[in-house]
N, C-alpha and C. Protein backbone atom coordinates (compact mmCIF):
# COMPACT_ATOMS: atom_id res chain seq x y z
N MET A 1 94.33 -35.02 100.90
CA MET A 1 94.06 -34.18 102.07
C MET A 1 95.32 -34.07 102.92
N LEU A 2 95.67 -32.84 103.34
CA LEU A 2 96.81 -32.63 104.21
C LEU A 2 96.53 -33.25 105.57
N ARG A 3 97.46 -34.07 106.04
CA ARG A 3 97.28 -34.73 107.33
C ARG A 3 98.19 -34.08 108.35
N LEU A 4 97.60 -33.47 109.37
CA LEU A 4 98.36 -32.79 110.39
C LEU A 4 98.30 -33.50 111.73
N LEU A 5 97.31 -34.37 111.92
CA LEU A 5 97.12 -35.04 113.19
C LEU A 5 97.30 -36.55 113.04
N ASP A 6 97.91 -37.17 114.02
CA ASP A 6 97.99 -38.62 114.08
C ASP A 6 96.82 -39.15 114.88
N PRO A 7 96.37 -40.36 114.60
CA PRO A 7 95.25 -40.95 115.35
C PRO A 7 95.52 -40.97 116.85
N GLY A 8 94.47 -40.71 117.62
CA GLY A 8 94.55 -40.80 119.06
C GLY A 8 95.08 -39.58 119.77
N ARG A 9 95.39 -38.52 119.03
CA ARG A 9 95.91 -37.32 119.66
C ARG A 9 94.84 -36.62 120.50
N LYS A 10 95.30 -35.85 121.47
CA LYS A 10 94.40 -35.11 122.36
C LYS A 10 94.26 -33.68 121.85
N VAL A 11 93.01 -33.24 121.68
CA VAL A 11 92.74 -31.94 121.08
C VAL A 11 91.87 -31.10 122.02
N LEU A 12 92.21 -29.83 122.15
CA LEU A 12 91.41 -28.87 122.90
C LEU A 12 90.89 -27.81 121.94
N ASP A 13 89.57 -27.56 121.96
CA ASP A 13 88.96 -26.56 121.09
C ASP A 13 88.28 -25.51 121.96
N ILE A 14 88.85 -24.30 121.98
CA ILE A 14 88.30 -23.19 122.75
C ILE A 14 87.28 -22.44 121.90
N ALA A 15 86.12 -22.14 122.50
CA ALA A 15 84.99 -21.55 121.76
C ALA A 15 84.60 -22.51 120.64
N SER A 16 84.26 -23.72 121.03
CA SER A 16 84.05 -24.82 120.09
C SER A 16 82.74 -24.73 119.32
N GLY A 17 81.87 -23.76 119.66
CA GLY A 17 80.63 -23.58 118.91
C GLY A 17 79.78 -24.83 118.96
N LYS A 18 79.31 -25.26 117.80
CA LYS A 18 78.44 -26.43 117.73
C LYS A 18 79.21 -27.75 117.61
N GLY A 19 80.51 -27.69 117.85
CA GLY A 19 81.30 -28.91 117.97
C GLY A 19 81.74 -29.56 116.68
N GLU A 20 81.50 -28.92 115.55
CA GLU A 20 81.77 -29.57 114.27
C GLU A 20 83.24 -29.92 114.07
N VAL A 21 84.14 -29.01 114.45
CA VAL A 21 85.56 -29.26 114.22
C VAL A 21 86.03 -30.46 115.03
N LEU A 22 85.72 -30.48 116.32
CA LEU A 22 86.17 -31.57 117.16
C LEU A 22 85.54 -32.91 116.76
N ILE A 23 84.27 -32.88 116.42
CA ILE A 23 83.60 -34.11 116.01
C ILE A 23 84.15 -34.62 114.68
N ARG A 24 84.43 -33.72 113.76
CA ARG A 24 84.99 -34.16 112.48
C ARG A 24 86.39 -34.73 112.65
N LEU A 25 87.18 -34.13 113.56
CA LEU A 25 88.51 -34.69 113.83
C LEU A 25 88.41 -36.07 114.47
N ALA A 26 87.39 -36.27 115.30
CA ALA A 26 87.17 -37.59 115.89
C ALA A 26 86.79 -38.60 114.80
N GLU A 27 86.00 -38.16 113.83
CA GLU A 27 85.61 -39.05 112.73
C GLU A 27 86.82 -39.41 111.86
N LEU A 28 87.67 -38.43 111.60
CA LEU A 28 88.79 -38.64 110.69
C LEU A 28 89.99 -39.33 111.34
N TYR A 29 90.29 -38.93 112.59
CA TYR A 29 91.55 -39.34 113.21
C TYR A 29 91.38 -40.03 114.57
N ASN A 30 90.14 -40.22 114.99
CA ASN A 30 89.89 -40.87 116.27
C ASN A 30 90.58 -40.13 117.42
N VAL A 31 90.55 -38.81 117.38
CA VAL A 31 91.17 -38.03 118.45
C VAL A 31 90.31 -38.09 119.70
N SER A 32 90.92 -37.80 120.83
CA SER A 32 90.19 -37.52 122.06
C SER A 32 90.23 -36.00 122.26
N GLY A 33 89.41 -35.49 123.15
CA GLY A 33 89.50 -34.06 123.34
C GLY A 33 88.35 -33.44 124.09
N ILE A 34 88.48 -32.13 124.23
CA ILE A 34 87.52 -31.31 124.97
C ILE A 34 87.17 -30.08 124.15
N GLY A 35 85.89 -29.76 124.09
CA GLY A 35 85.42 -28.51 123.50
C GLY A 35 84.84 -27.64 124.60
N VAL A 36 85.19 -26.37 124.60
CA VAL A 36 84.74 -25.43 125.62
C VAL A 36 83.98 -24.30 124.96
N ASP A 37 82.78 -24.02 125.44
CA ASP A 37 82.00 -22.92 124.88
C ASP A 37 81.08 -22.34 125.94
N LEU A 38 80.79 -21.04 125.79
CA LEU A 38 79.98 -20.32 126.76
C LEU A 38 78.48 -20.47 126.50
N SER A 39 78.10 -20.93 125.31
CA SER A 39 76.69 -21.00 124.94
C SER A 39 76.08 -22.35 125.33
N PRO A 40 75.05 -22.35 126.18
CA PRO A 40 74.40 -23.63 126.51
C PRO A 40 73.75 -24.28 125.30
N PHE A 41 73.28 -23.48 124.35
CA PHE A 41 72.66 -24.02 123.14
C PHE A 41 73.70 -24.75 122.29
N CYS A 42 74.90 -24.17 122.18
CA CYS A 42 75.96 -24.82 121.41
C CYS A 42 76.43 -26.11 122.09
N ILE A 43 76.56 -26.07 123.40
CA ILE A 43 76.99 -27.26 124.12
C ILE A 43 75.95 -28.37 123.99
N GLU A 44 74.68 -28.01 124.07
CA GLU A 44 73.63 -29.01 123.93
C GLU A 44 73.65 -29.63 122.54
N GLU A 45 73.78 -28.79 121.51
CA GLU A 45 73.81 -29.31 120.14
C GLU A 45 75.07 -30.14 119.90
N SER A 46 76.21 -29.70 120.45
CA SER A 46 77.45 -30.45 120.29
C SER A 46 77.33 -31.84 120.91
N THR A 47 76.74 -31.90 122.09
CA THR A 47 76.59 -33.17 122.79
C THR A 47 75.68 -34.12 122.02
N GLU A 48 74.59 -33.59 121.48
CA GLU A 48 73.68 -34.41 120.69
C GLU A 48 74.34 -34.87 119.39
N LYS A 49 75.10 -33.99 118.79
CA LYS A 49 75.80 -34.33 117.55
C LYS A 49 76.83 -35.43 117.80
N LYS A 50 77.51 -35.33 118.92
CA LYS A 50 78.50 -36.34 119.28
C LYS A 50 77.83 -37.71 119.45
N LYS A 51 76.66 -37.73 120.09
CA LYS A 51 75.94 -39.00 120.28
C LYS A 51 75.53 -39.62 118.96
N ARG A 52 75.17 -38.79 117.99
CA ARG A 52 74.73 -39.30 116.70
C ARG A 52 75.88 -39.80 115.84
N ARG A 53 76.97 -39.05 115.82
CA ARG A 53 78.02 -39.30 114.84
C ARG A 53 79.22 -40.07 115.37
N VAL A 54 79.62 -39.80 116.60
CA VAL A 54 80.79 -40.49 117.16
C VAL A 54 80.50 -40.89 118.61
N PRO A 55 79.51 -41.74 118.82
CA PRO A 55 79.07 -42.04 120.19
C PRO A 55 80.16 -42.65 121.07
N ASP A 56 81.14 -43.33 120.46
CA ASP A 56 82.18 -43.98 121.24
C ASP A 56 83.45 -43.14 121.38
N ALA A 57 83.45 -41.97 120.79
CA ALA A 57 84.64 -41.13 120.83
C ALA A 57 84.87 -40.56 122.24
N ASP A 58 86.13 -40.42 122.58
CA ASP A 58 86.50 -39.86 123.89
C ASP A 58 86.59 -38.34 123.78
N ILE A 59 85.45 -37.72 123.50
CA ILE A 59 85.39 -36.27 123.47
C ILE A 59 84.20 -35.81 124.31
N ARG A 60 84.34 -34.64 124.91
CA ARG A 60 83.26 -34.08 125.71
C ARG A 60 83.26 -32.57 125.57
N PHE A 61 82.13 -31.98 125.92
CA PHE A 61 81.96 -30.54 125.76
C PHE A 61 81.62 -29.92 127.11
N ILE A 62 82.30 -28.82 127.41
CA ILE A 62 82.18 -28.17 128.71
C ILE A 62 81.57 -26.79 128.52
N LEU A 63 80.57 -26.48 129.33
CA LEU A 63 79.91 -25.18 129.31
C LEU A 63 80.63 -24.23 130.26
N MET A 64 81.40 -23.32 129.71
CA MET A 64 82.05 -22.29 130.52
C MET A 64 82.76 -21.29 129.62
N ASP A 65 83.16 -20.19 130.20
CA ASP A 65 83.94 -19.17 129.49
C ASP A 65 85.32 -19.75 129.19
N GLY A 66 85.68 -19.78 127.91
CA GLY A 66 86.96 -20.35 127.53
C GLY A 66 88.14 -19.66 128.20
N ALA A 67 88.02 -18.36 128.47
CA ALA A 67 89.11 -17.62 129.10
C ALA A 67 89.39 -18.11 130.51
N LYS A 68 88.39 -18.74 131.13
CA LYS A 68 88.56 -19.23 132.50
C LYS A 68 88.93 -20.71 132.57
N TYR A 69 88.96 -21.36 131.42
CA TYR A 69 89.24 -22.79 131.41
C TYR A 69 90.73 -23.05 131.64
N ARG A 70 91.01 -23.98 132.54
CA ARG A 70 92.38 -24.38 132.82
C ARG A 70 92.48 -25.90 132.69
N PRO A 71 93.15 -26.40 131.68
CA PRO A 71 93.22 -27.85 131.46
C PRO A 71 94.01 -28.55 132.56
N GLU A 72 93.62 -29.78 132.84
CA GLU A 72 94.34 -30.58 133.83
C GLU A 72 95.71 -31.00 133.30
N SER A 73 95.82 -31.16 132.00
CA SER A 73 97.09 -31.52 131.38
C SER A 73 97.11 -30.93 129.98
N PRO A 74 98.30 -30.70 129.42
CA PRO A 74 98.37 -30.11 128.08
C PRO A 74 97.89 -31.05 127.00
N SER A 75 97.44 -30.49 125.89
CA SER A 75 96.96 -31.26 124.74
C SER A 75 98.04 -31.32 123.67
N ASP A 76 97.83 -32.23 122.72
CA ASP A 76 98.72 -32.28 121.56
C ASP A 76 98.43 -31.13 120.61
N THR A 77 97.16 -30.71 120.58
CA THR A 77 96.73 -29.62 119.68
C THR A 77 95.72 -28.75 120.39
N ALA A 78 95.86 -27.44 120.27
CA ALA A 78 94.89 -26.49 120.80
C ALA A 78 94.37 -25.63 119.65
N ILE A 79 93.05 -25.44 119.62
CA ILE A 79 92.38 -24.77 118.51
C ILE A 79 91.55 -23.60 119.04
N CYS A 80 91.57 -22.50 118.31
CA CYS A 80 90.64 -21.40 118.55
C CYS A 80 90.38 -20.74 117.21
N LEU A 81 89.22 -21.00 116.65
CA LEU A 81 88.89 -20.52 115.30
C LEU A 81 87.88 -19.39 115.38
N GLY A 82 88.30 -18.20 114.98
CA GLY A 82 87.39 -17.07 114.91
C GLY A 82 86.88 -16.60 116.25
N ALA A 83 87.63 -16.81 117.31
CA ALA A 83 87.13 -16.45 118.64
C ALA A 83 88.22 -15.85 119.51
N SER A 84 89.13 -15.09 118.91
CA SER A 84 90.21 -14.49 119.70
C SER A 84 89.69 -13.46 120.69
N PHE A 85 88.43 -13.04 120.53
CA PHE A 85 87.82 -12.14 121.51
C PHE A 85 87.79 -12.77 122.90
N VAL A 86 87.81 -14.11 122.96
CA VAL A 86 87.78 -14.80 124.25
C VAL A 86 88.92 -14.34 125.14
N TYR A 87 90.07 -14.12 124.52
CA TYR A 87 91.26 -13.73 125.28
C TYR A 87 91.63 -12.26 125.09
N GLY A 88 90.78 -11.53 124.41
CA GLY A 88 91.02 -10.10 124.24
C GLY A 88 91.88 -9.73 123.06
N GLY A 89 92.08 -10.65 122.12
CA GLY A 89 92.85 -10.34 120.92
C GLY A 89 93.63 -11.54 120.43
N TYR A 90 94.16 -11.40 119.23
CA TYR A 90 94.86 -12.53 118.58
C TYR A 90 96.17 -12.88 119.28
N ALA A 91 96.98 -11.87 119.59
CA ALA A 91 98.25 -12.13 120.25
C ALA A 91 98.03 -12.80 121.61
N GLN A 92 97.04 -12.34 122.35
CA GLN A 92 96.74 -12.92 123.65
C GLN A 92 96.23 -14.35 123.51
N THR A 93 95.50 -14.62 122.43
CA THR A 93 95.01 -15.97 122.17
C THR A 93 96.18 -16.93 121.94
N LEU A 94 97.14 -16.50 121.14
CA LEU A 94 98.32 -17.34 120.91
C LEU A 94 99.06 -17.61 122.22
N ASP A 95 99.19 -16.58 123.06
CA ASP A 95 99.85 -16.77 124.36
C ASP A 95 99.14 -17.83 125.18
N ALA A 96 97.79 -17.74 125.20
CA ALA A 96 97.01 -18.69 126.00
C ALA A 96 97.15 -20.11 125.46
N LEU A 97 97.05 -20.27 124.16
CA LEU A 97 97.12 -21.61 123.56
C LEU A 97 98.51 -22.21 123.72
N MET A 98 99.53 -21.37 123.68
CA MET A 98 100.90 -21.87 123.86
C MET A 98 101.08 -22.52 125.22
N GLY A 99 100.30 -22.07 126.20
CA GLY A 99 100.39 -22.65 127.53
C GLY A 99 99.53 -23.88 127.72
N MET A 100 98.84 -24.33 126.64
CA MET A 100 97.92 -25.46 126.75
C MET A 100 98.33 -26.65 125.90
N VAL A 101 99.49 -26.57 125.23
CA VAL A 101 99.93 -27.68 124.38
C VAL A 101 101.30 -28.18 124.84
N ILE A 102 101.57 -29.43 124.48
CA ILE A 102 102.86 -30.03 124.80
C ILE A 102 103.95 -29.42 123.93
N PRO A 103 105.21 -29.50 124.35
CA PRO A 103 106.30 -29.09 123.45
C PRO A 103 106.22 -29.86 122.14
N GLY A 104 106.32 -29.14 121.05
CA GLY A 104 106.18 -29.75 119.74
C GLY A 104 104.74 -29.89 119.28
N GLY A 105 103.79 -29.42 120.11
CA GLY A 105 102.38 -29.51 119.77
C GLY A 105 101.95 -28.47 118.75
N LEU A 106 100.70 -28.61 118.31
CA LEU A 106 100.15 -27.72 117.29
C LEU A 106 99.18 -26.72 117.89
N ILE A 107 99.18 -25.52 117.32
CA ILE A 107 98.21 -24.47 117.64
C ILE A 107 97.55 -24.08 116.33
N ILE A 108 96.22 -24.15 116.29
CA ILE A 108 95.48 -23.85 115.07
C ILE A 108 94.54 -22.69 115.36
N THR A 109 94.67 -21.63 114.58
CA THR A 109 93.83 -20.44 114.77
C THR A 109 93.14 -20.08 113.46
N GLY A 110 92.03 -19.39 113.59
CA GLY A 110 91.36 -18.80 112.44
C GLY A 110 91.14 -17.33 112.75
N GLU A 111 91.60 -16.45 111.88
CA GLU A 111 91.60 -15.03 112.23
C GLU A 111 91.42 -14.15 110.99
N PRO A 112 90.65 -13.05 111.15
CA PRO A 112 90.54 -12.10 110.04
C PRO A 112 91.84 -11.32 109.83
N PHE A 113 91.93 -10.65 108.70
CA PHE A 113 93.03 -9.73 108.41
C PHE A 113 92.53 -8.70 107.41
N TRP A 114 93.19 -7.56 107.37
CA TRP A 114 92.80 -6.51 106.43
C TRP A 114 93.42 -6.80 105.07
N ILE A 115 92.57 -6.87 104.05
CA ILE A 115 93.04 -6.98 102.67
C ILE A 115 93.49 -5.62 102.17
N LYS A 116 92.74 -4.60 102.55
CA LYS A 116 93.07 -3.22 102.21
C LYS A 116 92.65 -2.34 103.39
N GLU A 117 93.04 -1.11 103.35
CA GLU A 117 92.72 -0.21 104.45
C GLU A 117 91.21 -0.02 104.57
N PRO A 118 90.65 -0.20 105.77
CA PRO A 118 89.21 -0.03 105.94
C PRO A 118 88.80 1.43 105.92
N ASP A 119 87.60 1.68 105.44
CA ASP A 119 87.05 3.03 105.44
C ASP A 119 86.77 3.46 106.88
N PRO A 120 87.15 4.67 107.27
CA PRO A 120 86.90 5.15 108.63
C PRO A 120 85.42 5.07 109.02
N GLU A 121 84.53 5.27 108.05
CA GLU A 121 83.11 5.20 108.35
C GLU A 121 82.71 3.78 108.73
N TYR A 122 83.31 2.79 108.08
CA TYR A 122 83.05 1.39 108.43
C TYR A 122 83.50 1.11 109.87
N LEU A 123 84.69 1.59 110.23
CA LEU A 123 85.18 1.39 111.59
C LEU A 123 84.26 2.06 112.60
N ARG A 124 83.78 3.24 112.25
CA ARG A 124 82.89 3.96 113.18
C ARG A 124 81.58 3.21 113.36
N ARG A 125 81.02 2.72 112.27
CA ARG A 125 79.73 2.05 112.33
C ARG A 125 79.79 0.72 113.07
N THR A 126 80.90 0.02 112.94
CA THR A 126 81.02 -1.31 113.53
C THR A 126 81.76 -1.32 114.86
N GLN A 127 82.42 -0.20 115.18
CA GLN A 127 83.24 -0.09 116.39
C GLN A 127 84.42 -1.07 116.37
N ILE A 128 84.80 -1.50 115.16
CA ILE A 128 86.03 -2.26 114.99
C ILE A 128 87.18 -1.27 114.92
N ARG A 129 88.31 -1.60 115.53
CA ARG A 129 89.49 -0.73 115.47
C ARG A 129 90.44 -1.22 114.39
N ARG A 130 91.13 -0.29 113.77
CA ARG A 130 92.09 -0.66 112.72
C ARG A 130 93.10 -1.67 113.25
N GLY A 131 93.52 -1.51 114.50
CA GLY A 131 94.52 -2.39 115.08
C GLY A 131 94.01 -3.72 115.55
N ASP A 132 92.71 -3.96 115.40
CA ASP A 132 92.16 -5.25 115.85
C ASP A 132 92.66 -6.42 115.01
N PHE A 133 92.99 -6.14 113.73
CA PHE A 133 93.43 -7.20 112.83
C PHE A 133 94.73 -6.81 112.14
N ALA A 134 95.51 -7.82 111.77
CA ALA A 134 96.77 -7.59 111.09
C ALA A 134 96.54 -7.17 109.65
N SER A 135 97.58 -6.66 109.02
CA SER A 135 97.53 -6.29 107.61
C SER A 135 97.98 -7.48 106.77
N GLY A 136 97.10 -7.93 105.87
CA GLY A 136 97.46 -8.98 104.94
C GLY A 136 97.43 -10.37 105.54
N PHE A 137 97.30 -11.35 104.66
CA PHE A 137 97.24 -12.75 105.05
C PHE A 137 98.45 -13.16 105.89
N GLY A 138 99.62 -12.67 105.52
CA GLY A 138 100.84 -13.03 106.24
C GLY A 138 101.02 -12.32 107.56
N GLY A 139 100.21 -11.30 107.81
CA GLY A 139 100.35 -10.56 109.06
C GLY A 139 100.12 -11.42 110.28
N ASN A 140 99.15 -12.33 110.20
CA ASN A 140 98.86 -13.21 111.34
C ASN A 140 99.96 -14.25 111.53
N ILE A 141 100.64 -14.61 110.46
CA ILE A 141 101.79 -15.52 110.59
C ILE A 141 102.91 -14.82 111.34
N THR A 142 103.16 -13.57 110.99
CA THR A 142 104.22 -12.80 111.63
C THR A 142 103.99 -12.68 113.13
N VAL A 143 102.74 -12.44 113.52
CA VAL A 143 102.42 -12.32 114.95
C VAL A 143 102.81 -13.60 115.69
N GLY A 144 102.49 -14.75 115.11
CA GLY A 144 102.82 -16.01 115.75
C GLY A 144 104.32 -16.29 115.77
N GLU A 145 104.99 -16.04 114.66
CA GLU A 145 106.41 -16.37 114.59
C GLU A 145 107.25 -15.43 115.44
N GLU A 146 106.76 -14.23 115.69
CA GLU A 146 107.47 -13.34 116.61
C GLU A 146 107.40 -13.84 118.04
N LYS A 147 106.48 -14.74 118.31
CA LYS A 147 106.37 -15.35 119.64
C LYS A 147 107.17 -16.66 119.73
N GLY A 148 107.86 -17.03 118.67
CA GLY A 148 108.66 -18.24 118.68
C GLY A 148 107.98 -19.45 118.07
N LEU A 149 106.75 -19.28 117.59
CA LEU A 149 106.06 -20.36 116.92
C LEU A 149 106.56 -20.47 115.48
N ARG A 150 106.29 -21.62 114.85
CA ARG A 150 106.63 -21.79 113.44
C ARG A 150 105.37 -22.17 112.69
N CYS A 151 105.02 -21.36 111.70
CA CYS A 151 103.84 -21.65 110.89
C CYS A 151 104.20 -22.75 109.89
N ILE A 152 103.48 -23.88 109.98
CA ILE A 152 103.77 -25.00 109.08
C ILE A 152 102.71 -25.17 108.01
N TYR A 153 101.61 -24.44 108.14
CA TYR A 153 100.57 -24.49 107.11
C TYR A 153 99.63 -23.31 107.33
N ALA A 154 99.10 -22.77 106.24
CA ALA A 154 98.12 -21.69 106.32
C ALA A 154 97.23 -21.74 105.09
N MET A 155 96.01 -21.29 105.25
CA MET A 155 95.04 -21.32 104.16
C MET A 155 94.19 -20.06 104.21
N GLU A 156 94.06 -19.40 103.08
CA GLU A 156 93.26 -18.18 102.98
C GLU A 156 91.91 -18.48 102.34
N SER A 157 90.85 -17.95 102.93
CA SER A 157 89.53 -18.09 102.31
C SER A 157 89.40 -17.08 101.18
N GLY A 158 88.52 -17.40 100.23
CA GLY A 158 88.25 -16.48 99.13
C GLY A 158 86.96 -15.72 99.35
N THR A 159 86.66 -14.83 98.43
CA THR A 159 85.43 -14.05 98.54
C THR A 159 84.20 -14.94 98.51
N ASP A 160 84.25 -16.00 97.72
CA ASP A 160 83.12 -16.94 97.67
C ASP A 160 82.85 -17.57 99.04
N ASP A 161 83.94 -17.87 99.77
CA ASP A 161 83.78 -18.45 101.11
C ASP A 161 83.09 -17.46 102.05
N TRP A 162 83.55 -16.19 101.99
CA TRP A 162 82.94 -15.15 102.82
C TRP A 162 81.48 -14.98 102.46
N ASP A 163 81.19 -14.91 101.17
CA ASP A 163 79.81 -14.73 100.72
C ASP A 163 78.92 -15.86 101.25
N ASN A 164 79.41 -17.06 101.10
CA ASN A 164 78.63 -18.21 101.55
C ASN A 164 78.37 -18.14 103.06
N TYR A 165 79.40 -17.80 103.81
CA TYR A 165 79.27 -17.69 105.27
C TYR A 165 78.24 -16.63 105.65
N GLU A 166 78.37 -15.45 105.04
CA GLU A 166 77.46 -14.35 105.38
C GLU A 166 76.03 -14.65 104.94
N MET A 167 75.88 -15.14 103.72
CA MET A 167 74.54 -15.29 103.17
C MET A 167 73.77 -16.45 103.79
N LEU A 168 74.48 -17.46 104.27
CA LEU A 168 73.80 -18.51 105.01
C LEU A 168 73.22 -17.96 106.31
N GLN A 169 73.90 -16.98 106.89
CA GLN A 169 73.35 -16.33 108.09
C GLN A 169 72.09 -15.54 107.76
N TRP A 170 72.10 -14.84 106.62
CA TRP A 170 70.89 -14.11 106.22
C TRP A 170 69.73 -15.08 106.08
N LYS A 171 69.99 -16.20 105.42
CA LYS A 171 68.93 -17.18 105.19
C LYS A 171 68.44 -17.76 106.51
N SER A 172 69.38 -18.04 107.42
CA SER A 172 68.99 -18.63 108.70
C SER A 172 68.09 -17.70 109.49
N VAL A 173 68.42 -16.41 109.49
CA VAL A 173 67.60 -15.44 110.22
C VAL A 173 66.22 -15.32 109.58
N TYR A 174 66.19 -15.29 108.26
CA TYR A 174 64.90 -15.21 107.57
C TYR A 174 64.06 -16.45 107.86
N ASP A 175 64.66 -17.62 107.75
CA ASP A 175 63.93 -18.86 108.02
C ASP A 175 63.39 -18.87 109.45
N TYR A 176 64.22 -18.39 110.37
CA TYR A 176 63.79 -18.35 111.78
C TYR A 176 62.60 -17.41 111.96
N SER A 177 62.61 -16.29 111.23
CA SER A 177 61.51 -15.33 111.35
C SER A 177 60.19 -15.92 110.86
N VAL A 178 60.29 -16.83 109.89
CA VAL A 178 59.09 -17.51 109.38
C VAL A 178 58.61 -18.57 110.37
N GLU A 179 59.57 -19.28 110.95
CA GLU A 179 59.24 -20.37 111.85
C GLU A 179 58.82 -19.89 113.23
N ARG A 180 59.40 -18.76 113.70
CA ARG A 180 59.12 -18.26 115.04
C ARG A 180 58.70 -16.79 115.00
N PRO A 181 57.60 -16.48 114.32
CA PRO A 181 57.21 -15.07 114.18
C PRO A 181 56.82 -14.41 115.49
N ASP A 182 56.52 -15.20 116.53
CA ASP A 182 56.10 -14.63 117.80
C ASP A 182 57.24 -14.44 118.79
N ASP A 183 58.44 -14.78 118.40
CA ASP A 183 59.59 -14.61 119.29
C ASP A 183 59.76 -13.12 119.61
N GLN A 184 59.74 -12.78 120.88
CA GLN A 184 59.80 -11.37 121.25
C GLN A 184 61.15 -10.73 120.95
N ASP A 185 62.18 -11.56 120.78
CA ASP A 185 63.50 -11.03 120.45
C ASP A 185 63.74 -10.92 118.95
N LEU A 186 62.74 -11.34 118.16
CA LEU A 186 62.93 -11.38 116.71
C LEU A 186 63.20 -10.00 116.09
N PRO A 187 62.48 -8.96 116.45
CA PRO A 187 62.77 -7.66 115.83
C PRO A 187 64.21 -7.20 116.05
N GLU A 188 64.72 -7.40 117.26
CA GLU A 188 66.11 -7.01 117.54
C GLU A 188 67.08 -7.85 116.73
N LEU A 189 66.81 -9.16 116.66
CA LEU A 189 67.68 -10.06 115.90
C LEU A 189 67.73 -9.68 114.43
N MET A 190 66.56 -9.41 113.85
CA MET A 190 66.51 -9.08 112.42
C MET A 190 67.15 -7.72 112.16
N GLU A 191 66.92 -6.77 113.05
CA GLU A 191 67.51 -5.44 112.84
C GLU A 191 69.03 -5.52 112.86
N ARG A 192 69.57 -6.31 113.80
CA ARG A 192 71.02 -6.46 113.89
C ARG A 192 71.59 -7.16 112.66
N LYS A 193 70.91 -8.22 112.21
CA LYS A 193 71.42 -8.97 111.07
C LYS A 193 71.35 -8.15 109.78
N TRP A 194 70.29 -7.38 109.58
CA TRP A 194 70.21 -6.57 108.37
C TRP A 194 71.22 -5.43 108.40
N ARG A 195 71.52 -4.94 109.59
CA ARG A 195 72.58 -3.93 109.70
C ARG A 195 73.93 -4.53 109.34
N GLU A 196 74.18 -5.75 109.82
CA GLU A 196 75.42 -6.45 109.47
C GLU A 196 75.48 -6.76 107.98
N LYS A 197 74.33 -7.07 107.40
CA LYS A 197 74.27 -7.33 105.96
C LYS A 197 74.68 -6.08 105.18
N GLU A 198 74.13 -4.93 105.58
CA GLU A 198 74.49 -3.68 104.89
C GLU A 198 75.98 -3.40 105.04
N ASN A 199 76.51 -3.58 106.25
CA ASN A 199 77.93 -3.32 106.47
C ASN A 199 78.80 -4.22 105.59
N TYR A 200 78.39 -5.49 105.48
CA TYR A 200 79.17 -6.42 104.68
C TYR A 200 79.18 -6.02 103.21
N LEU A 201 78.01 -5.72 102.68
CA LEU A 201 77.93 -5.40 101.26
C LEU A 201 78.55 -4.06 100.92
N ARG A 202 78.42 -3.11 101.82
CA ARG A 202 78.90 -1.76 101.52
C ARG A 202 80.36 -1.54 101.89
N TRP A 203 80.80 -2.13 103.02
CA TRP A 203 82.11 -1.77 103.55
C TRP A 203 83.09 -2.94 103.65
N GLU A 204 82.59 -4.11 103.97
CA GLU A 204 83.48 -5.18 104.43
C GLU A 204 83.95 -6.10 103.30
N ARG A 205 83.08 -6.38 102.35
CA ARG A 205 83.40 -7.34 101.30
C ARG A 205 84.62 -6.87 100.50
N GLY A 206 85.62 -7.73 100.44
CA GLY A 206 86.84 -7.38 99.73
C GLY A 206 87.82 -6.56 100.54
N VAL A 207 87.44 -6.20 101.76
CA VAL A 207 88.32 -5.42 102.64
C VAL A 207 88.85 -6.28 103.77
N LEU A 208 87.99 -7.15 104.30
CA LEU A 208 88.38 -8.02 105.40
C LEU A 208 88.49 -9.45 104.89
N GLY A 209 89.62 -10.08 105.14
CA GLY A 209 89.85 -11.46 104.73
C GLY A 209 89.88 -12.38 105.94
N TRP A 210 90.11 -13.65 105.66
CA TRP A 210 90.10 -14.67 106.71
C TRP A 210 91.14 -15.74 106.38
N GLY A 211 91.87 -16.17 107.40
CA GLY A 211 92.85 -17.23 107.21
C GLY A 211 92.84 -18.22 108.35
N VAL A 212 93.23 -19.44 108.06
CA VAL A 212 93.45 -20.47 109.07
C VAL A 212 94.95 -20.74 109.12
N TYR A 213 95.50 -20.79 110.33
CA TYR A 213 96.94 -20.89 110.52
C TYR A 213 97.29 -22.04 111.46
N VAL A 214 98.25 -22.84 111.04
CA VAL A 214 98.71 -23.96 111.87
C VAL A 214 100.16 -23.68 112.30
N PHE A 215 100.37 -23.55 113.59
CA PHE A 215 101.68 -23.29 114.14
C PHE A 215 102.17 -24.50 114.94
N ARG A 216 103.48 -24.67 114.98
CA ARG A 216 104.04 -25.69 115.86
C ARG A 216 104.85 -25.01 116.96
N LEU A 217 104.58 -25.45 118.20
CA LEU A 217 105.35 -24.96 119.33
C LEU A 217 106.68 -25.68 119.37
N PRO A 218 107.79 -24.97 119.52
CA PRO A 218 109.09 -25.66 119.55
C PRO A 218 109.14 -26.74 120.61
N ALA A 219 109.81 -27.82 120.31
CA ALA A 219 109.94 -28.94 121.27
C ALA A 219 110.90 -28.58 122.39
């Protein structure tokens, strides 16, 4: 396993979701840190997960908009995976994270990229803009290095990874519909997810890729 973090490092995770990344880093490297997310459900689950798996770890989760979060001190590593919308785009996300790490610290991002040119009808249906994502796996590296960062590691997901991610969502929505058939928001939820399913199968699969990028801020 590639080791990028030393034990005891301080980690900040913006849009931390259900806390899996920060908790797993605490399990592996005994890091300290903060996870920030806007969803009370995610914060609640993250906190419960932390109690179960790493009760003694020095990590906590904060309920707030990540764009408004201002750390008291810089971290050794700042993470934002699949949530560049928090700062209004990928380049803006890198700018924000660069201001939250120590000199020589790490910035870890997860971001889509275009594998091939998207169909205009797909863009119209999803309201995604062509310029929202870089071209090719290396495009996101270029964006970071043009800001003075150095990419020291990157990993591209495959189609199987995308399929698994998407199809687990289909299953989750279906399971929820069985478990909570009286939820008044269920019709809207299912309609949105089936629309996303159609878009993925018809337009997105093989067109949009995903990469994880590790940058180092110059010392």
